[in-house]
Amino acid sequence: MKKLTDLFEISSTEFRTKIKELGFTEKGSELTSGGDLKSDLLDIVSSLVAEWKTSNPNCPLNFTSGNDSFHKGIKTYVSRHTKGEALDVTLPSSCHSLFITLLNTYKSKYNGFSYIDEYTNPTAKATGGHFHMSYRSGAPEGGGKSGGKSGGGDTSTPASDTSTSNSATQTSKYSYQSSDVSKPNDEFTTSAENMNKGFITQATNALGLTKVESISIKEKKLLENIQKIKKLL
């Protein structure tokens, strides 16, 4: 049986119908030429474009890319487009300032929504000016708790690591990133590293564990011995 929550999620087909009803356009079938778009991204963008139509009826939007075949063919990095988490849109230059204002409103409202002004800061793979919009709950492109960067290129995930954005992978290993939880033992190891000047390090040294990284392998034994030590204190 279909989940109740699914009944309220917008599909790629419904989104395509909505933008047509609003008088906006799509370049061919580029929104989904490589696969479907994520419903949570579409929910946010649907609200955004409806608000845009109401406040700026004479500024048409043209959606040029989504989960499309072009981004599927890029091998140097894994774009959020290929995950159905991003889409691109173009509009007249006279409307850019107002559109950025609206994008910033949504960036502040939704933790995980971000955009890149590729008219001003095009990426190496950009084929023309556009606004790149993306959404991943709690993990906006460019890092941070909300919004990410408004420029500087498509901060897509490197091909070698599909769990974090470039900005997140460049962050110090001692800094916790919510998007890093998918890495094996990362949450436990990072937490232990953050306490490397305290009791945990002393305990690991006493037990003959010379590297903090080894905690993740012997964590069960370590925790058992810590309990024994506490009873002796």
Protein backbone atom coordinates (compact mmCIF):
# COMPACT_ATOMS: atom_id res chain seq x y z
CA MET A 1 0.00 0.00 0.00
CA LYS A 2 1.28 3.47 -0.83
CA LYS A 3 2.44 5.42 2.23
CA LEU A 4 0.13 8.20 3.35
CA THR A 5 3.00 10.71 3.17
CA ASP A 6 3.65 9.74 -0.45
CA LEU A 7 0.18 10.92 -1.40
CA PHE A 8 1.23 14.50 -0.66
CA GLU A 9 4.63 14.36 -2.38
CA ILE A 10 4.90 15.93 -5.81
CA SER A 11 6.23 13.78 -8.63
CA SER A 12 8.40 14.87 -11.56
CA THR A 13 5.37 14.60 -13.85
CA GLU A 14 3.24 16.76 -11.55
CA PHE A 15 6.01 19.34 -11.30
CA ARG A 16 6.32 19.48 -15.09
CA THR A 17 2.57 20.03 -15.34
CA LYS A 18 2.67 22.75 -12.70
CA ILE A 19 5.38 24.84 -14.36
CA LYS A 20 3.46 24.68 -17.65
CA GLU A 21 0.30 25.86 -15.91
CA LEU A 22 2.27 28.79 -14.50
CA GLY A 23 3.42 29.70 -18.00
CA PHE A 24 7.02 28.58 -17.49
CA THR A 25 8.99 26.31 -19.82
CA GLU A 26 11.34 23.36 -19.90
CA LYS A 27 14.20 22.74 -22.31
CA GLY A 28 13.12 19.55 -24.04
CA SER A 29 12.71 16.91 -21.36
CA GLU A 30 15.91 17.79 -19.52
CA LEU A 31 14.32 17.77 -16.08
CA THR A 32 14.17 13.99 -16.15
CA SER A 33 16.18 12.77 -19.16
CA GLY A 34 18.46 10.89 -16.75
CA GLY A 35 15.95 9.92 -14.05
CA ASP A 36 13.38 11.32 -11.62
CA LEU A 37 13.88 14.28 -9.32
CA LYS A 38 13.55 13.94 -5.55
CA SER A 39 10.09 14.89 -4.26
CA ASP A 40 11.45 16.99 -1.37
CA LEU A 41 13.35 19.20 -3.84
CA LEU A 42 10.27 19.48 -6.03
CA ASP A 43 8.07 20.41 -3.06
CA ILE A 44 10.33 23.35 -2.24
CA VAL A 45 10.85 24.53 -5.81
CA SER A 46 7.12 24.20 -6.56
CA SER A 47 6.39 26.63 -3.75
CA LEU A 48 9.19 28.93 -4.90
CA VAL A 49 8.04 29.13 -8.53
CA ALA A 50 4.42 29.71 -7.52
CA GLU A 51 5.50 32.59 -5.30
CA TRP A 52 7.70 33.91 -8.10
CA LYS A 53 4.82 33.87 -10.58
CA THR A 54 2.62 35.83 -8.19
CA SER A 55 5.19 38.50 -7.40
CA ASN A 56 6.91 38.68 -10.80
CA PRO A 57 4.43 37.62 -13.50
CA ASN A 58 6.50 39.19 -16.29
CA CYS A 59 9.71 37.30 -15.50
CA PRO A 60 9.45 33.86 -17.14
CA LEU A 61 11.47 30.86 -15.97
CA ASN A 62 12.98 28.23 -18.26
CA PHE A 63 14.13 24.98 -16.64
CA THR A 64 17.16 23.73 -18.53
CA SER A 65 18.40 20.83 -16.43
CA GLY A 66 17.44 18.43 -13.68
CA ASN A 67 18.33 14.77 -13.35
CA ASP A 68 19.53 14.82 -16.94
CA SER A 69 21.70 12.78 -19.29
CA PHE A 70 24.35 15.53 -19.56
CA HIS A 71 25.22 15.39 -15.87
CA LYS A 72 25.06 11.59 -15.91
CA GLY A 73 27.90 11.68 -18.41
CA ILE A 74 30.25 13.71 -16.19
CA LYS A 75 32.92 11.40 -14.74
CA THR A 76 35.17 13.84 -12.86
CA TYR A 77 32.71 14.31 -10.01
CA VAL A 78 29.27 13.14 -8.88
CA SER A 79 26.82 16.00 -9.31
CA ARG A 80 23.72 16.35 -7.19
CA HIS A 81 21.86 16.50 -10.48
CA THR A 82 22.48 12.75 -10.89
CA LYS A 83 20.91 12.15 -7.48
CA GLY A 84 17.76 14.04 -8.45
CA GLU A 85 18.67 16.72 -5.91
CA ALA A 86 19.33 19.68 -8.22
CA LEU A 87 17.90 21.59 -11.16
CA ASP A 88 18.91 24.59 -13.26
CA VAL A 89 16.79 27.53 -14.39
CA THR A 90 17.32 30.58 -16.59
CA LEU A 91 15.48 33.92 -16.63
CA PRO A 92 15.95 37.46 -18.03
CA SER A 93 18.90 39.38 -16.58
CA SER A 94 16.60 42.18 -15.45
CA CYS A 95 14.98 39.72 -13.02
CA HIS A 96 18.15 38.27 -11.47
CA SER A 97 18.31 40.55 -8.45
CA LEU A 98 14.72 39.83 -7.43
CA PHE A 99 15.19 36.12 -8.01
CA ILE A 100 18.28 36.06 -5.77
CA THR A 101 16.27 37.76 -3.04
CA LEU A 102 13.66 35.00 -3.23
CA LEU A 103 16.34 32.29 -3.32
CA ASN A 104 17.92 33.69 -0.18
CA THR A 105 14.54 33.60 1.55
CA TYR A 106 14.18 29.91 0.76
CA LYS A 107 17.80 29.25 1.68
CA SER A 108 17.11 30.60 5.16
CA LYS A 109 13.80 28.78 5.45
CA TYR A 110 14.94 25.29 4.44
CA ASN A 111 18.05 23.75 5.98
CA GLY A 112 19.50 21.94 3.00
CA PHE A 113 18.31 24.24 0.22
CA SER A 114 21.07 26.06 -1.63
CA TYR A 115 21.73 27.82 -4.91
CA ILE A 116 24.62 28.92 -7.12
CA ASP A 117 24.50 31.97 -9.35
CA GLU A 118 26.22 30.53 -12.42
CA TYR A 119 25.59 33.70 -14.38
CA THR A 120 28.18 35.36 -12.14
CA ASN A 121 30.26 32.33 -11.16
CA PRO A 122 29.90 29.60 -13.81
CA THR A 123 31.44 26.20 -13.12
CA ALA A 124 33.92 24.55 -15.46
CA LYS A 125 31.13 22.32 -16.80
CA ALA A 126 28.57 25.12 -17.29
CA THR A 127 27.30 25.43 -20.85
CA GLY A 128 25.59 28.76 -20.21
CA GLY A 129 24.47 31.14 -17.48
CA HIS A 130 21.80 29.86 -15.08
CA PHE A 131 20.82 29.49 -11.44
CA HIS A 132 21.59 26.09 -9.94
CA MET A 133 19.21 25.08 -7.13
CA SER A 134 19.62 22.02 -4.94
CA TYR A 135 18.26 20.42 -1.80
CA ARG A 136 19.45 17.68 0.52
CA SER A 137 17.93 17.72 3.99
CA GLY A 138 20.41 19.14 6.48
CA ALA A 139 23.29 19.12 3.99
CA PRO A 140 23.28 22.12 1.66
CA GLU A 141 25.90 22.39 -1.06
CA GLY A 142 28.83 24.44 0.15
CA GLY A 143 28.50 23.23 3.74
CA GLY A 144 27.11 25.02 6.77
CA LYS A 145 23.80 24.62 8.55
CA SER A 146 21.72 26.51 6.04
CA GLY A 147 22.01 27.57 2.46
CA GLY A 148 25.60 26.98 1.44
CA LYS A 149 27.36 29.36 -0.89
CA SER A 150 25.63 31.55 -3.42
CA GLY A 151 28.56 31.39 -5.75
CA GLY A 152 31.79 29.61 -6.55
CA GLY A 153 30.58 26.73 -8.66
CA ASP A 154 28.61 23.53 -8.39
CA THR A 155 29.97 22.09 -5.16
CA SER A 156 29.12 18.57 -6.20
CA THR A 157 30.33 15.39 -4.56
CA PRO A 158 33.66 13.99 -5.79
CA ALA A 159 33.36 10.63 -7.56
CA SER A 160 35.44 8.98 -4.83
CA ASP A 161 33.05 9.98 -2.04
CA THR A 162 29.31 10.27 -2.64
CA SER A 163 28.40 10.98 1.00
CA THR A 164 29.64 14.58 1.34
CA SER A 165 30.12 17.77 -0.65
CA ASN A 166 33.59 19.05 -1.57
CA SER A 167 33.42 21.66 1.19
CA ALA A 168 32.61 19.02 3.77
CA THR A 169 35.48 16.75 2.68
CA GLN A 170 37.90 19.63 2.95
CA THR A 171 36.87 20.27 6.57
CA SER A 172 39.27 19.15 9.30
CA LYS A 173 38.82 15.51 10.28
CA TYR A 174 38.28 16.63 13.86
CA SER A 175 35.11 18.50 12.86
CA TYR A 176 31.84 16.61 12.90
CA GLN A 177 29.72 16.77 9.76
CA SER A 178 26.16 15.42 9.91
CA SER A 179 26.52 14.11 6.34
CA ASP A 180 29.52 11.99 7.39
CA VAL A 181 27.44 9.54 9.45
CA SER A 182 27.24 7.21 6.46
CA LYS A 183 30.97 6.45 6.72
CA PRO A 184 31.77 3.25 8.69
CA ASN A 185 32.55 4.03 12.35
CA ASP A 186 33.03 7.73 11.51
CA GLU A 187 30.72 9.09 14.18
CA PHE A 188 32.37 7.07 16.95
CA THR A 189 35.93 7.69 15.75
CA THR A 190 35.43 11.44 15.33
CA SER A 191 33.88 11.74 18.78
CA ALA A 192 36.84 9.89 20.28
CA GLU A 193 39.30 12.10 18.41
CA ASN A 194 37.63 15.20 19.77
CA MET A 195 38.40 13.94 23.27
CA ASN A 196 41.99 12.94 22.49
CA LYS A 197 43.42 15.01 25.36
CA GLY A 198 41.18 13.46 27.99
CA PHE A 199 40.46 10.20 29.69
CA ILE A 200 39.87 8.20 26.50
CA THR A 201 43.44 8.74 25.25
CA GLN A 202 44.88 7.77 28.63
CA ALA A 203 42.77 4.65 28.67
CA THR A 204 43.76 3.64 25.14
CA ASN A 205 47.44 4.12 25.97
CA ALA A 206 47.11 2.01 29.11
CA LEU A 207 45.49 -0.73 27.05
CA GLY A 208 48.20 -0.65 24.42
CA LEU A 209 46.18 1.01 21.66
CA THR A 210 48.70 3.29 19.99
CA LYS A 211 46.37 4.89 17.44
CA VAL A 212 43.05 6.64 18.04
CA GLU A 213 41.81 5.09 14.81
CA SER A 214 42.14 1.64 16.41
CA ILE A 215 39.35 2.52 18.82
CA SER A 216 36.77 1.93 16.14
CA ILE A 217 38.07 -1.61 15.66
CA LYS A 218 38.38 -2.48 19.33
CA GLU A 219 35.65 -0.26 20.70
CA LYS A 220 33.78 -3.05 22.45
CA LYS A 221 36.87 -4.22 24.31
CA LEU A 222 37.82 -0.63 25.14
CA LEU A 223 34.44 0.23 26.64
CA GLU A 224 34.44 -2.94 28.71
CA ASN A 225 37.87 -2.12 30.13
CA ILE A 226 36.95 1.49 30.84
CA GLN A 227 34.09 0.24 33.01
CA LYS A 228 36.57 -1.96 34.91
CA ILE A 229 38.94 0.98 35.41
CA LYS A 230 36.09 3.19 36.70
CA LYS A 231 35.26 0.59 39.35
CA LEU A 232 38.85 0.71 40.59
CA LEU A 233 38.91 4.52 40.91
